[in-house]
Amino acid sequence: MPFEVIGPISEIEIIAAGHGVRDRHRLRAMYGGRRWRKLKGIAAVRVGDGRLFRAELHWYEAQGMARVRMKIKRFLD
């Protein structure tokens, strides 16, 4: 489902880091970077049909790299 993040992401927490990130080998092969972390946070999102929701998001990031593979884990409202 395509979506767009509206505004800042709050309540950011680290889920896994270093060897705890299962996809770290694939992430390094596709995007490069080191010290990958998996994070979660809450943000307002606009889904494909234009409706707005608050949602819990999960994504990966490495130092000096943008957020990659962001997905909606669950809707909060």
N, C-alpha and C. Protein backbone atom coordinates (compact mmCIF):
# COMPACT_ATOMS: atom_id res chain seq x y z
N MET A 1 0.85 -1.16 0.00
CA MET A 1 0.00 0.00 0.00
C MET A 1 0.90 1.24 0.00
N PRO A 2 0.80 2.08 -1.01
CA PRO A 2 1.61 3.30 -1.03
C PRO A 2 1.14 4.28 0.03
N PHE A 3 2.08 4.99 0.64
CA PHE A 3 1.74 5.97 1.66
C PHE A 3 2.78 7.07 1.68
N GLU A 4 2.42 8.18 2.33
CA GLU A 4 3.31 9.33 2.46
C GLU A 4 3.31 9.75 3.93
N VAL A 5 4.48 9.97 4.49
CA VAL A 5 4.59 10.40 5.88
C VAL A 5 4.32 11.90 5.92
N ILE A 6 3.39 12.31 6.79
CA ILE A 6 3.02 13.71 6.94
C ILE A 6 3.56 14.18 8.29
N GLY A 7 4.49 15.11 8.28
CA GLY A 7 5.03 15.65 9.52
C GLY A 7 6.13 14.78 10.10
N PRO A 8 6.56 15.11 11.32
CA PRO A 8 7.68 14.40 11.94
C PRO A 8 7.28 13.03 12.50
N ILE A 9 8.27 12.18 12.67
CA ILE A 9 8.07 10.88 13.30
C ILE A 9 8.44 11.02 14.77
N SER A 10 7.55 10.58 15.66
CA SER A 10 7.79 10.72 17.10
C SER A 10 7.93 9.35 17.75
N GLU A 11 8.33 9.35 19.01
CA GLU A 11 8.47 8.14 19.81
C GLU A 11 9.36 7.10 19.11
N ILE A 12 10.48 7.54 18.57
CA ILE A 12 11.39 6.66 17.85
C ILE A 12 12.13 5.76 18.83
N GLU A 13 12.14 4.46 18.54
CA GLU A 13 12.83 3.47 19.36
C GLU A 13 13.65 2.56 18.46
N ILE A 14 14.78 2.10 18.97
CA ILE A 14 15.60 1.13 18.25
C ILE A 14 15.06 -0.26 18.57
N ILE A 15 14.76 -1.02 17.53
CA ILE A 15 14.29 -2.40 17.70
C ILE A 15 15.48 -3.34 17.70
N ALA A 16 16.41 -3.14 16.77
CA ALA A 16 17.58 -4.01 16.66
C ALA A 16 18.75 -3.22 16.09
N ALA A 17 19.96 -3.64 16.43
CA ALA A 17 21.16 -2.98 15.92
C ALA A 17 22.27 -4.01 15.75
N GLY A 18 23.20 -3.71 14.86
CA GLY A 18 24.35 -4.59 14.65
C GLY A 18 23.94 -5.97 14.17
N HIS A 19 24.41 -7.01 14.86
CA HIS A 19 24.12 -8.39 14.46
C HIS A 19 22.66 -8.76 14.68
N GLY A 20 21.90 -7.96 15.43
CA GLY A 20 20.49 -8.24 15.66
C GLY A 20 19.61 -7.92 14.46
N VAL A 21 20.13 -7.20 13.48
CA VAL A 21 19.37 -6.87 12.28
C VAL A 21 19.51 -8.04 11.31
N ARG A 22 18.44 -8.75 11.09
CA ARG A 22 18.49 -9.96 10.28
C ARG A 22 18.86 -9.69 8.83
N ASP A 23 18.43 -8.57 8.27
CA ASP A 23 18.64 -8.25 6.86
C ASP A 23 19.92 -7.47 6.61
N ARG A 24 20.84 -7.42 7.55
CA ARG A 24 22.00 -6.53 7.42
C ARG A 24 22.86 -6.86 6.20
N HIS A 25 23.01 -8.13 5.85
CA HIS A 25 23.82 -8.49 4.69
C HIS A 25 23.17 -7.99 3.40
N ARG A 26 21.88 -8.14 3.28
CA ARG A 26 21.15 -7.67 2.10
C ARG A 26 21.17 -6.14 2.03
N LEU A 27 21.00 -5.48 3.18
CA LEU A 27 21.03 -4.02 3.21
C LEU A 27 22.40 -3.49 2.78
N ARG A 28 23.46 -4.11 3.26
CA ARG A 28 24.81 -3.69 2.85
C ARG A 28 25.02 -3.90 1.36
N ALA A 29 24.53 -5.01 0.83
CA ALA A 29 24.69 -5.29 -0.60
C ALA A 29 23.91 -4.30 -1.47
N MET A 30 22.70 -3.93 -1.03
CA MET A 30 21.85 -3.06 -1.83
C MET A 30 22.19 -1.59 -1.66
N TYR A 31 22.47 -1.15 -0.43
CA TYR A 31 22.61 0.27 -0.14
C TYR A 31 23.99 0.67 0.36
N GLY A 32 24.83 -0.29 0.72
CA GLY A 32 26.13 0.03 1.32
C GLY A 32 25.93 0.38 2.79
N GLY A 33 26.82 1.16 3.34
CA GLY A 33 26.67 1.59 4.72
C GLY A 33 27.11 0.54 5.72
N ARG A 34 27.25 0.98 6.94
CA ARG A 34 27.64 0.11 8.04
C ARG A 34 26.72 0.39 9.21
N ARG A 35 26.77 -0.46 10.20
CA ARG A 35 26.02 -0.31 11.45
C ARG A 35 24.53 -0.04 11.20
N TRP A 36 23.88 -0.95 10.53
CA TRP A 36 22.46 -0.82 10.26
C TRP A 36 21.66 -1.00 11.55
N ARG A 37 20.56 -0.25 11.65
CA ARG A 37 19.65 -0.35 12.78
C ARG A 37 18.23 -0.45 12.25
N LYS A 38 17.38 -1.17 12.97
CA LYS A 38 15.96 -1.22 12.66
C LYS A 38 15.27 -0.38 13.72
N LEU A 39 14.41 0.54 13.27
CA LEU A 39 13.75 1.46 14.19
C LEU A 39 12.25 1.44 14.00
N LYS A 40 11.54 1.97 14.99
CA LYS A 40 10.10 2.14 14.87
C LYS A 40 9.73 3.50 15.44
N GLY A 41 8.62 4.04 14.98
CA GLY A 41 8.13 5.32 15.45
C GLY A 41 6.69 5.52 15.03
N ILE A 42 6.10 6.62 15.48
CA ILE A 42 4.70 6.92 15.20
C ILE A 42 4.63 8.22 14.42
N ALA A 43 3.80 8.21 13.36
CA ALA A 43 3.65 9.41 12.52
C ALA A 43 2.27 9.41 11.88
N ALA A 44 1.90 10.59 11.39
CA ALA A 44 0.69 10.70 10.58
C ALA A 44 1.07 10.31 9.15
N VAL A 45 0.23 9.50 8.52
CA VAL A 45 0.49 9.07 7.15
C VAL A 45 -0.75 9.29 6.30
N ARG A 46 -0.51 9.55 5.02
CA ARG A 46 -1.60 9.65 4.05
C ARG A 46 -1.48 8.44 3.15
N VAL A 47 -2.53 7.63 3.12
CA VAL A 47 -2.53 6.42 2.29
C VAL A 47 -2.94 6.77 0.86
N GLY A 48 -2.86 5.81 -0.03
CA GLY A 48 -3.09 6.02 -1.46
C GLY A 48 -4.39 6.69 -1.83
N ASP A 49 -5.47 6.44 -1.08
CA ASP A 49 -6.76 7.05 -1.42
C ASP A 49 -6.97 8.41 -0.77
N GLY A 50 -5.96 8.96 -0.08
CA GLY A 50 -6.03 10.32 0.47
C GLY A 50 -6.43 10.40 1.94
N ARG A 51 -6.80 9.29 2.56
CA ARG A 51 -7.18 9.33 3.97
C ARG A 51 -5.95 9.46 4.86
N LEU A 52 -6.12 10.12 6.02
CA LEU A 52 -5.04 10.31 6.98
C LEU A 52 -5.23 9.38 8.17
N PHE A 53 -4.13 8.81 8.64
CA PHE A 53 -4.13 7.94 9.80
C PHE A 53 -2.89 8.20 10.62
N ARG A 54 -2.95 7.86 11.92
CA ARG A 54 -1.72 7.75 12.72
C ARG A 54 -1.31 6.29 12.62
N ALA A 55 -0.03 6.06 12.43
CA ALA A 55 0.43 4.68 12.22
C ALA A 55 1.77 4.46 12.88
N GLU A 56 2.03 3.19 13.22
CA GLU A 56 3.35 2.79 13.68
C GLU A 56 4.14 2.37 12.45
N LEU A 57 5.31 2.97 12.29
CA LEU A 57 6.16 2.72 11.13
C LEU A 57 7.41 1.97 11.56
N HIS A 58 7.92 1.10 10.69
CA HIS A 58 9.19 0.41 10.90
C HIS A 58 10.07 0.71 9.70
N TRP A 59 11.38 0.90 9.93
CA TRP A 59 12.31 1.16 8.85
C TRP A 59 13.73 0.83 9.29
N TYR A 60 14.64 0.84 8.31
CA TYR A 60 16.06 0.62 8.56
C TYR A 60 16.80 1.92 8.28
N GLU A 61 17.89 2.16 8.99
CA GLU A 61 18.76 3.27 8.65
C GLU A 61 20.17 2.97 9.13
N ALA A 62 21.12 3.57 8.45
CA ALA A 62 22.53 3.48 8.83
C ALA A 62 23.03 4.91 8.95
N GLN A 63 24.10 5.08 9.68
CA GLN A 63 24.65 6.41 9.88
C GLN A 63 25.02 7.02 8.53
N GLY A 64 24.55 8.24 8.30
CA GLY A 64 24.83 8.95 7.07
C GLY A 64 23.96 8.54 5.90
N MET A 65 22.98 7.68 6.12
CA MET A 65 22.10 7.23 5.03
C MET A 65 20.66 7.53 5.39
N ALA A 66 19.85 7.69 4.37
CA ALA A 66 18.43 7.98 4.57
C ALA A 66 17.70 6.73 5.07
N ARG A 67 16.47 6.93 5.50
CA ARG A 67 15.64 5.80 5.92
C ARG A 67 15.30 4.96 4.70
N VAL A 68 15.39 3.64 4.84
CA VAL A 68 15.08 2.76 3.72
C VAL A 68 14.08 1.71 4.16
N ARG A 69 13.33 1.21 3.20
CA ARG A 69 12.36 0.13 3.39
C ARG A 69 11.36 0.44 4.49
N MET A 70 10.79 1.66 4.48
CA MET A 70 9.81 2.06 5.48
C MET A 70 8.49 1.36 5.19
N LYS A 71 7.84 0.86 6.25
CA LYS A 71 6.55 0.21 6.07
C LYS A 71 5.64 0.55 7.24
N ILE A 72 4.34 0.46 6.99
CA ILE A 72 3.35 0.63 8.05
C ILE A 72 3.18 -0.70 8.75
N LYS A 73 3.42 -0.72 10.04
CA LYS A 73 3.27 -1.95 10.80
C LYS A 73 1.82 -2.10 11.26
N ARG A 74 1.24 -1.00 11.75
CA ARG A 74 -0.18 -1.04 12.16
C ARG A 74 -0.73 0.37 12.23
N PHE A 75 -2.06 0.49 12.05
CA PHE A 75 -2.75 1.77 12.19
C PHE A 75 -3.17 1.93 13.64
N LEU A 76 -3.08 3.15 14.17
CA LEU A 76 -3.38 3.39 15.57
C LEU A 76 -4.78 3.96 15.78
N ASP A 77 -5.41 4.52 14.76
CA ASP A 77 -6.79 4.99 14.94
C ASP A 77 -7.74 4.37 13.98
